[in-house]
N, C-alpha and C. Protein backbone atom coordinates (compact mmCIF):
# COMPACT_ATOMS: atom_id res chain seq x y z
N MET A 1 -62.97 12.49 2.30
CA MET A 1 -62.84 12.32 3.76
C MET A 1 -63.90 13.36 4.48
N VAL A 2 -64.06 14.49 3.71
CA VAL A 2 -64.92 15.54 4.26
C VAL A 2 -66.30 15.01 4.55
N GLY A 3 -66.88 14.12 3.66
CA GLY A 3 -68.23 13.58 3.72
C GLY A 3 -68.29 12.46 4.67
N THR A 4 -67.15 11.99 5.23
CA THR A 4 -67.33 10.86 6.20
C THR A 4 -67.83 11.32 7.49
N GLN A 5 -68.74 10.57 8.08
CA GLN A 5 -69.47 11.02 9.30
C GLN A 5 -68.94 10.40 10.52
N SER A 6 -67.88 9.50 10.46
CA SER A 6 -67.39 8.96 11.74
C SER A 6 -65.89 8.67 11.55
N GLU A 7 -65.29 8.53 12.85
CA GLU A 7 -63.86 8.19 12.87
C GLU A 7 -63.58 6.82 12.11
N GLU A 8 -64.55 5.91 12.34
CA GLU A 8 -64.34 4.55 11.63
C GLU A 8 -64.35 4.77 9.97
N GLY A 9 -65.17 5.60 9.56
CA GLY A 9 -65.24 5.95 8.17
C GLY A 9 -63.86 6.50 7.68
N VAL A 10 -63.23 7.31 8.46
CA VAL A 10 -61.94 7.90 8.05
C VAL A 10 -60.94 6.69 8.03
N PHE A 11 -60.95 5.85 9.07
CA PHE A 11 -59.99 4.71 9.08
C PHE A 11 -60.21 3.85 7.85
N HIS A 12 -61.44 3.62 7.41
CA HIS A 12 -61.54 2.78 6.33
C HIS A 12 -61.21 3.44 4.92
N LEU A 13 -61.37 4.71 4.93
CA LEU A 13 -60.86 5.45 3.70
C LEU A 13 -59.37 5.45 3.70
N ALA A 14 -58.73 5.57 4.83
CA ALA A 14 -57.24 5.49 4.80
C ALA A 14 -56.69 4.10 4.37
N ILE A 15 -57.41 3.09 4.80
CA ILE A 15 -56.98 1.74 4.34
C ILE A 15 -57.26 1.62 2.85
N ASP A 16 -58.32 2.13 2.29
CA ASP A 16 -58.55 2.06 0.84
C ASP A 16 -57.57 2.74 0.07
N ALA A 17 -57.11 3.94 0.68
CA ALA A 17 -56.10 4.83 0.06
C ALA A 17 -54.80 4.08 -0.11
N ALA A 18 -54.40 3.41 1.05
CA ALA A 18 -53.16 2.70 1.19
C ALA A 18 -53.01 1.59 0.23
N GLU A 19 -54.25 0.84 0.04
CA GLU A 19 -54.17 -0.27 -0.88
C GLU A 19 -54.34 0.16 -2.30
N ASN A 20 -55.23 1.12 -2.60
CA ASN A 20 -55.32 1.45 -4.09
C ASN A 20 -54.57 2.68 -4.64
N ILE A 21 -54.10 3.48 -3.71
CA ILE A 21 -53.19 4.68 -4.19
C ILE A 21 -51.77 4.33 -3.96
N LEU A 22 -51.47 3.99 -2.75
CA LEU A 22 -50.04 3.64 -2.35
C LEU A 22 -49.71 2.25 -2.80
N GLU A 23 -50.64 1.41 -3.17
CA GLU A 23 -50.39 0.02 -3.57
C GLU A 23 -49.78 -0.81 -2.47
N PHE A 24 -50.11 -0.64 -1.20
CA PHE A 24 -49.68 -1.45 -0.13
C PHE A 24 -50.35 -2.80 -0.25
N ASP A 25 -49.74 -3.98 0.00
CA ASP A 25 -50.32 -5.28 -0.02
C ASP A 25 -51.14 -5.46 1.07
N SER A 26 -50.79 -5.01 2.31
CA SER A 26 -51.60 -5.12 3.51
C SER A 26 -51.47 -3.86 4.32
N CYS A 27 -52.43 -3.53 5.17
CA CYS A 27 -52.22 -2.54 6.21
C CYS A 27 -53.19 -2.58 7.22
N SER A 28 -52.90 -1.83 8.30
CA SER A 28 -53.73 -1.93 9.58
C SER A 28 -53.57 -0.58 10.17
N ILE A 29 -54.68 -0.07 10.84
CA ILE A 29 -54.71 1.11 11.63
C ILE A 29 -55.14 0.64 13.01
N ASP A 30 -54.21 0.93 14.03
CA ASP A 30 -54.50 0.46 15.41
C ASP A 30 -54.61 1.69 16.29
N VAL A 31 -55.27 1.64 17.40
CA VAL A 31 -55.32 2.67 18.34
C VAL A 31 -54.79 2.02 19.60
N VAL A 32 -54.34 2.86 20.56
CA VAL A 32 -53.71 2.37 21.76
C VAL A 32 -54.80 2.52 22.89
N GLU A 33 -55.13 1.42 23.47
CA GLU A 33 -56.11 1.42 24.61
C GLU A 33 -55.72 0.46 25.64
N ASP A 34 -55.62 1.01 26.89
CA ASP A 34 -55.23 0.10 28.08
C ASP A 34 -53.89 -0.60 27.87
N GLY A 35 -52.94 0.03 27.22
CA GLY A 35 -51.59 -0.61 27.03
C GLY A 35 -51.53 -1.56 25.78
N TYR A 36 -52.52 -1.54 25.01
CA TYR A 36 -52.51 -2.50 23.81
C TYR A 36 -52.81 -1.73 22.56
N PHE A 37 -52.19 -2.22 21.48
CA PHE A 37 -52.57 -1.81 20.14
C PHE A 37 -53.90 -2.52 19.71
N ARG A 38 -54.90 -1.88 19.46
CA ARG A 38 -56.19 -2.56 19.02
C ARG A 38 -56.43 -2.16 17.61
N PRO A 39 -56.47 -3.20 16.70
CA PRO A 39 -56.81 -2.90 15.27
C PRO A 39 -58.21 -2.36 15.05
N VAL A 40 -58.29 -1.10 14.47
CA VAL A 40 -59.72 -0.68 14.15
C VAL A 40 -60.10 -0.73 12.71
N ALA A 41 -59.06 -0.90 11.89
CA ALA A 41 -59.42 -1.11 10.44
C ALA A 41 -58.17 -1.90 9.85
N THR A 42 -58.52 -2.84 9.00
CA THR A 42 -57.46 -3.62 8.38
C THR A 42 -57.71 -3.86 6.86
N SER A 43 -56.81 -4.03 6.06
CA SER A 43 -57.04 -4.40 4.69
C SER A 43 -57.53 -5.75 4.58
N SER A 44 -58.10 -6.04 3.47
CA SER A 44 -58.56 -7.39 3.20
C SER A 44 -57.59 -8.48 3.14
N ARG A 45 -56.39 -8.10 2.84
CA ARG A 45 -55.33 -9.15 2.65
C ARG A 45 -54.38 -9.39 3.89
N ILE A 46 -54.72 -8.64 4.95
CA ILE A 46 -53.78 -8.74 6.14
C ILE A 46 -53.96 -10.04 6.82
N PRO A 47 -52.86 -10.74 7.20
CA PRO A 47 -52.91 -12.00 7.86
C PRO A 47 -53.59 -11.77 9.25
N GLU A 48 -54.32 -12.81 9.62
CA GLU A 48 -55.06 -12.74 10.89
C GLU A 48 -54.26 -12.55 12.07
N ALA A 49 -52.92 -13.10 12.02
CA ALA A 49 -51.96 -13.04 13.11
C ALA A 49 -51.57 -11.64 13.37
N VAL A 50 -51.64 -10.81 12.29
CA VAL A 50 -51.26 -9.38 12.45
C VAL A 50 -52.40 -8.64 12.87
N SER A 51 -53.63 -9.04 12.75
CA SER A 51 -54.85 -8.31 13.12
C SER A 51 -55.30 -8.72 14.47
N ARG A 52 -54.41 -8.58 15.43
CA ARG A 52 -54.79 -8.90 16.85
C ARG A 52 -54.16 -7.88 17.80
N GLU A 53 -54.73 -7.84 19.04
CA GLU A 53 -54.17 -6.83 19.96
C GLU A 53 -52.73 -7.33 20.44
N LEU A 54 -51.96 -6.37 20.48
CA LEU A 54 -50.60 -6.54 21.01
C LEU A 54 -50.22 -5.46 22.05
N PRO A 55 -49.41 -5.87 23.02
CA PRO A 55 -48.99 -4.89 24.09
C PRO A 55 -48.15 -3.82 23.36
N VAL A 56 -48.25 -2.63 23.85
CA VAL A 56 -47.51 -1.55 23.31
C VAL A 56 -46.00 -1.64 23.41
N GLU A 57 -45.60 -2.66 24.29
CA GLU A 57 -44.14 -2.86 24.47
C GLU A 57 -43.49 -3.73 23.37
N GLU A 58 -44.36 -4.41 22.62
CA GLU A 58 -43.89 -5.30 21.62
C GLU A 58 -43.73 -4.78 20.17
N GLY A 59 -42.76 -5.44 19.49
CA GLY A 59 -42.47 -5.34 18.03
C GLY A 59 -42.21 -3.94 17.51
N ILE A 60 -42.28 -3.77 16.34
CA ILE A 60 -41.84 -2.55 15.60
C ILE A 60 -42.92 -1.48 16.01
N ALA A 61 -44.22 -1.87 16.03
CA ALA A 61 -45.21 -0.95 16.51
C ALA A 61 -45.00 -0.41 17.79
N GLY A 62 -44.48 -1.21 18.85
CA GLY A 62 -44.20 -0.73 20.06
C GLY A 62 -42.99 0.18 20.15
N GLU A 63 -42.01 -0.13 19.24
CA GLU A 63 -40.75 0.70 19.17
C GLU A 63 -41.19 2.02 18.59
N THR A 64 -41.98 2.03 17.64
CA THR A 64 -42.45 3.29 16.92
C THR A 64 -43.23 4.16 18.02
N TYR A 65 -44.09 3.49 18.77
CA TYR A 65 -44.90 4.14 19.82
C TYR A 65 -43.99 4.81 20.83
N ARG A 66 -42.97 3.98 21.28
CA ARG A 66 -42.15 4.48 22.38
C ARG A 66 -41.24 5.72 21.93
N LYS A 67 -40.69 5.63 20.69
CA LYS A 67 -39.82 6.58 20.15
C LYS A 67 -40.58 7.81 19.60
N ASN A 68 -41.87 7.69 19.33
CA ASN A 68 -42.78 8.63 18.85
C ASN A 68 -42.23 9.10 17.49
N ARG A 69 -41.94 8.18 16.59
CA ARG A 69 -41.56 8.53 15.32
C ARG A 69 -41.69 7.31 14.39
N SER A 70 -41.83 7.53 13.06
CA SER A 70 -42.00 6.36 12.10
C SER A 70 -40.63 5.73 12.04
N ILE A 71 -40.73 4.46 11.71
CA ILE A 71 -39.44 3.58 11.48
C ILE A 71 -39.77 2.89 10.15
N VAL A 72 -38.84 2.91 9.23
CA VAL A 72 -38.83 2.33 7.91
C VAL A 72 -37.98 1.08 7.97
N VAL A 73 -38.46 -0.04 7.62
CA VAL A 73 -37.51 -1.23 7.63
C VAL A 73 -37.66 -1.88 6.37
N ASP A 74 -36.37 -1.98 5.83
CA ASP A 74 -36.37 -2.56 4.44
C ASP A 74 -36.40 -3.99 4.41
N ASP A 75 -35.78 -4.70 5.41
CA ASP A 75 -35.73 -6.19 5.39
C ASP A 75 -36.05 -6.62 6.80
N VAL A 76 -37.36 -6.98 7.04
CA VAL A 76 -37.74 -7.32 8.46
C VAL A 76 -37.06 -8.60 8.95
N ALA A 77 -36.58 -9.43 8.08
CA ALA A 77 -35.86 -10.54 8.53
C ALA A 77 -34.54 -10.25 9.32
N ASN A 78 -33.96 -9.04 9.08
CA ASN A 78 -32.79 -8.55 9.78
C ASN A 78 -33.08 -7.44 10.79
N TYR A 79 -34.35 -7.30 11.29
CA TYR A 79 -34.54 -6.29 12.19
C TYR A 79 -35.09 -6.88 13.54
N GLU A 80 -34.35 -6.66 14.52
CA GLU A 80 -34.60 -7.41 15.86
C GLU A 80 -36.02 -7.11 16.42
N SER A 81 -36.56 -6.01 16.22
CA SER A 81 -37.95 -5.67 16.74
C SER A 81 -38.97 -6.47 15.99
N ALA A 82 -38.68 -6.91 14.78
CA ALA A 82 -39.67 -7.54 13.91
C ALA A 82 -39.78 -9.05 14.19
N ARG A 83 -38.98 -9.64 15.11
CA ARG A 83 -39.07 -10.97 15.35
C ARG A 83 -40.23 -11.36 16.30
N PRO A 84 -40.85 -12.57 16.13
CA PRO A 84 -40.63 -13.40 14.98
C PRO A 84 -41.21 -12.80 13.75
N VAL A 85 -40.58 -13.02 12.59
CA VAL A 85 -41.06 -12.48 11.36
C VAL A 85 -41.93 -13.44 10.66
N ASP A 86 -43.17 -12.79 10.16
CA ASP A 86 -43.96 -13.53 9.36
C ASP A 86 -43.39 -13.55 7.88
N THR A 87 -43.25 -14.74 7.41
CA THR A 87 -42.50 -14.81 6.12
C THR A 87 -43.19 -14.19 4.85
N SER A 88 -44.50 -13.84 5.15
CA SER A 88 -45.28 -13.09 4.01
C SER A 88 -44.98 -11.69 4.01
N PHE A 89 -44.13 -11.13 4.81
CA PHE A 89 -43.74 -9.71 4.87
C PHE A 89 -42.28 -9.63 4.54
N GLN A 90 -41.96 -8.68 3.64
CA GLN A 90 -40.56 -8.28 3.32
C GLN A 90 -40.22 -6.94 3.95
N SER A 91 -41.06 -5.94 3.81
CA SER A 91 -40.79 -4.72 4.33
C SER A 91 -42.10 -4.05 4.97
N ILE A 92 -41.75 -3.07 5.74
CA ILE A 92 -42.90 -2.49 6.45
C ILE A 92 -42.61 -1.04 6.63
N LEU A 93 -43.72 -0.30 6.97
CA LEU A 93 -43.52 1.16 7.25
C LEU A 93 -44.35 1.43 8.53
């Protein structure tokens, strides 16, 4: 990370670490701009539906943003903020 010359480079290193070290199936890093989450780096296996801008009021990301803390969800099918659930996901952080 020390040798990275840009913010974008750090984002992509974090994605690589999530996939290769933490063994995440898919991941995305978003920034908040003008009331929307804007993806700035995504893993190669992330569904396109997840890799889009969303209002900060929506979903689990919105809940996390509003509460200013991480939320761990073991079963997204049973978590209200995750609806509608993409059936390719079982759990999220």
